[in-house]
Amino acid sequence: MFCREVCEVALFDGREKIGGPGKFVQIDESKIGKRKYHRGHVVEGQWVFGGIEEDSRKCFIATVEDRKEETLLNLIKQWIEPGTTIISDCWKGYVNLSRHGYIHKTVNHSVEFVNEEGFHTNKIEGHWRQMKARLPTHGRKKEHYSSYLAEFKWRYIHSGEDLWKAFLKDIKKIYKFE
């Protein structure tokens, strides 16, 4: 828990908006859940919403209680710069993005995985796959999901670095060690 707490605080302190004019950000929502006896329908879980910049490792992930337009739009405004080209699926919560200063491109997954303009959501879908693979398989609690996500995002941002040195650097920054 301490290590995940350090990840959460470090990410909170270093948060910045992603995207901007000329940038592409893929957004999507996903449900993290468990299946009873590993089969059948999902019986419990947590919705998460996130976005990832196409040409960088900049991203955001947030737990959400619902996927309503208002909920998702508030997070988009909080995390994505106006003028960004946002690529999403056809979820109804995204229909008014162009009214809020974003360029919106959609991919209809029931018809195609890459639209006729060449836009897709493969990077965010792959992000969800990686995230779910790294979640604890036993003993995970819904109230800890935000810390699990923080650890995943922290590791994603620092991939290619010496994680131990990056972790110690963040501890030093948070607890003001010299």
Protein backbone atom coordinates (compact mmCIF):
# COMPACT_ATOMS: atom_id res chain seq x y z
CA MET A 1 0.00 0.00 0.00
CA PHE A 2 2.84 2.42 0.80
CA CYS A 3 4.39 1.94 -2.64
CA ARG A 4 1.08 2.50 -4.41
CA GLU A 5 0.52 5.58 -2.23
CA VAL A 6 3.87 6.99 -3.38
CA CYS A 7 2.82 6.36 -6.99
CA GLU A 8 -0.50 8.16 -6.43
CA VAL A 9 1.10 11.20 -4.79
CA ALA A 10 3.86 11.43 -7.40
CA LEU A 11 1.32 11.29 -10.23
CA PHE A 12 -0.94 13.84 -8.52
CA ASP A 13 1.94 16.26 -7.99
CA GLY A 14 3.16 15.88 -11.58
CA ARG A 15 -0.18 15.86 -13.36
CA GLU A 16 -0.55 17.79 -16.58
CA LYS A 17 -3.07 17.92 -19.38
CA ILE A 18 -2.42 15.86 -22.47
CA GLY A 19 -3.04 16.67 -26.12
CA GLY A 20 -3.36 20.10 -27.66
CA PRO A 21 -3.76 21.44 -31.20
CA GLY A 22 -2.33 18.97 -33.72
CA LYS A 23 -2.23 16.14 -31.14
CA PHE A 24 -4.33 12.97 -31.17
CA VAL A 25 -5.73 11.41 -27.99
CA GLN A 26 -7.61 8.12 -27.89
CA ILE A 27 -10.22 7.81 -25.13
CA ASP A 28 -12.26 4.88 -23.88
CA GLU A 29 -13.95 3.43 -20.85
CA SER A 30 -13.56 -0.10 -19.54
CA LYS A 31 -14.85 -2.19 -16.68
CA ILE A 32 -12.54 -4.01 -14.33
CA GLY A 33 -14.32 -6.92 -12.76
CA LYS A 34 -14.27 -10.48 -11.61
CA ARG A 35 -16.27 -13.34 -13.02
CA LYS A 36 -17.68 -15.91 -10.65
CA TYR A 37 -15.68 -19.13 -11.08
CA HIS A 38 -13.92 -17.40 -14.03
CA ARG A 39 -16.90 -17.79 -16.37
CA GLY A 40 -20.18 -16.15 -17.18
CA HIS A 41 -21.15 -12.53 -16.73
CA VAL A 42 -19.20 -10.01 -14.68
CA VAL A 43 -20.68 -9.87 -11.19
CA GLU A 44 -18.87 -6.89 -9.72
CA GLY A 45 -16.39 -4.33 -10.85
CA GLN A 46 -15.28 -0.77 -11.34
CA TRP A 47 -15.62 1.44 -14.40
CA VAL A 48 -12.48 3.27 -15.45
CA PHE A 49 -12.06 6.00 -18.03
CA GLY A 50 -8.85 7.04 -19.67
CA GLY A 51 -7.04 8.63 -22.52
CA ILE A 52 -3.66 8.20 -24.14
CA GLU A 53 -1.74 10.50 -26.45
CA GLU A 54 -0.86 8.73 -29.69
CA ASP A 55 2.75 9.87 -30.10
CA SER A 56 3.90 9.82 -26.48
CA ARG A 57 3.49 7.96 -23.20
CA LYS A 58 1.26 10.70 -21.76
CA CYS A 59 -1.99 9.30 -20.43
CA PHE A 60 -4.61 9.49 -17.71
CA ILE A 61 -6.78 6.89 -16.01
CA ALA A 62 -9.60 7.60 -13.55
CA THR A 63 -12.17 5.48 -11.77
CA VAL A 64 -15.76 6.53 -12.49
CA GLU A 65 -19.05 5.55 -10.93
CA ASP A 66 -20.96 5.88 -14.20
CA ARG A 67 -20.37 6.51 -17.90
CA LYS A 68 -22.77 9.42 -18.27
CA GLU A 69 -21.87 12.24 -20.65
CA GLU A 70 -21.50 14.77 -17.82
CA THR A 71 -19.10 12.52 -15.88
CA LEU A 72 -16.92 11.77 -18.89
CA LEU A 73 -16.97 15.34 -20.21
CA ASN A 74 -15.77 16.70 -16.84
CA LEU A 75 -12.80 14.31 -16.93
CA ILE A 76 -12.05 15.15 -20.56
CA LYS A 77 -11.98 18.87 -19.74
CA GLN A 78 -9.80 18.18 -16.69
CA TRP A 79 -7.25 16.05 -18.57
CA ILE A 80 -7.29 17.00 -22.29
CA GLU A 81 -6.34 20.36 -23.79
CA PRO A 82 -8.93 22.06 -26.02
CA GLY A 83 -8.13 21.82 -29.73
CA THR A 84 -7.07 18.18 -29.40
CA THR A 85 -8.32 15.61 -31.90
CA ILE A 86 -10.08 13.01 -29.75
CA ILE A 87 -10.62 9.54 -31.17
CA SER A 88 -13.24 7.34 -29.52
CA ASP A 89 -15.77 4.63 -30.14
CA CYS A 90 -19.39 5.62 -30.73
CA TRP A 91 -20.43 5.69 -27.05
CA LYS A 92 -23.26 8.20 -26.59
CA GLY A 93 -21.37 9.99 -23.81
CA TYR A 94 -18.96 11.41 -26.40
CA VAL A 95 -21.45 12.86 -28.91
CA ASN A 96 -21.01 16.53 -27.89
CA LEU A 97 -17.21 16.74 -27.73
CA SER A 98 -17.03 19.04 -30.76
CA ARG A 99 -19.25 21.56 -28.92
CA HIS A 100 -16.59 21.84 -26.21
CA GLY A 101 -13.58 22.77 -28.33
CA TYR A 102 -12.36 19.34 -29.41
CA ILE A 103 -12.11 17.75 -32.84
CA HIS A 104 -13.91 14.42 -32.54
CA LYS A 105 -13.32 11.35 -34.70
CA THR A 106 -15.19 8.08 -34.11
CA VAL A 107 -14.70 4.42 -34.89
CA ASN A 108 -17.82 2.26 -35.05
CA HIS A 109 -16.56 -1.03 -33.62
CA SER A 110 -19.63 -2.94 -34.76
CA VAL A 111 -18.56 -2.19 -38.36
CA GLU A 112 -14.81 -1.53 -38.32
CA PHE A 113 -11.72 -1.25 -36.17
CA VAL A 114 -10.12 1.45 -38.34
CA ASN A 115 -12.41 4.07 -39.87
CA GLU A 116 -12.15 5.26 -43.48
CA GLU A 117 -9.92 8.18 -42.38
CA GLY A 118 -7.48 5.77 -40.73
CA PHE A 119 -8.41 6.54 -37.11
CA HIS A 120 -8.52 3.73 -34.53
CA THR A 121 -8.55 3.16 -30.76
CA ASN A 122 -6.00 0.34 -30.70
CA LYS A 123 -3.56 2.12 -28.37
CA ILE A 124 -6.11 2.71 -25.58
CA GLU A 125 -7.56 -0.79 -26.01
CA GLY A 126 -4.05 -2.22 -25.63
CA HIS A 127 -3.55 0.01 -22.60
CA TRP A 128 -6.61 -1.57 -20.95
CA ARG A 129 -5.30 -5.06 -21.74
CA GLN A 130 -1.94 -4.26 -20.11
CA MET A 131 -3.64 -2.68 -17.10
CA LYS A 132 -5.95 -5.64 -16.48
CA ALA A 133 -3.06 -8.10 -16.82
CA ARG A 134 -1.12 -6.25 -14.10
CA LEU A 135 -3.94 -5.99 -11.55
CA PRO A 136 -3.66 -8.26 -8.53
CA THR A 137 -5.59 -11.48 -9.12
CA HIS A 138 -6.39 -12.22 -5.49
CA GLY A 139 -7.45 -10.04 -2.59
CA ARG A 140 -8.13 -6.91 -4.59
CA LYS A 141 -10.65 -4.51 -3.14
CA LYS A 142 -12.78 -1.97 -4.94
CA GLU A 143 -11.66 0.83 -2.60
CA HIS A 144 -8.04 0.22 -3.70
CA TYR A 145 -8.66 0.39 -7.47
CA SER A 146 -7.40 3.97 -7.75
CA SER A 147 -4.09 2.94 -6.16
CA TYR A 148 -3.78 -0.11 -8.46
CA LEU A 149 -4.35 2.21 -11.43
CA ALA A 150 -1.81 4.71 -10.08
CA GLU A 151 0.82 2.00 -9.82
CA PHE A 152 0.07 0.84 -13.37
CA LYS A 153 0.25 4.40 -14.76
CA TRP A 154 3.43 5.17 -12.79
CA ARG A 155 5.12 2.03 -14.16
CA TYR A 156 3.90 2.85 -17.69
CA ILE A 157 5.29 6.39 -17.54
CA HIS A 158 8.63 5.18 -16.15
CA SER A 159 9.06 2.14 -18.41
CA GLY A 160 12.55 2.01 -19.83
CA GLU A 161 13.95 3.65 -16.71
CA ASP A 162 15.45 2.08 -13.63
CA LEU A 163 12.20 1.78 -11.66
CA TRP A 164 13.94 1.56 -8.30
CA LYS A 165 15.83 4.83 -8.90
CA ALA A 166 12.66 6.54 -10.17
CA PHE A 167 10.77 5.30 -7.10
CA LEU A 168 13.45 6.55 -4.70
CA LYS A 169 13.52 9.89 -6.53
CA ASP A 170 9.75 10.24 -6.02
CA ILE A 171 10.02 9.29 -2.33
CA LYS A 172 12.76 11.89 -1.92
CA LYS A 173 10.58 14.54 -3.61
CA ILE A 174 7.44 13.68 -1.62
CA TYR A 175 9.08 13.39 1.79
CA LYS A 176 11.64 16.15 1.08
CA PHE A 177 14.76 14.12 1.88
CA GLU A 178 18.11 15.63 1.00
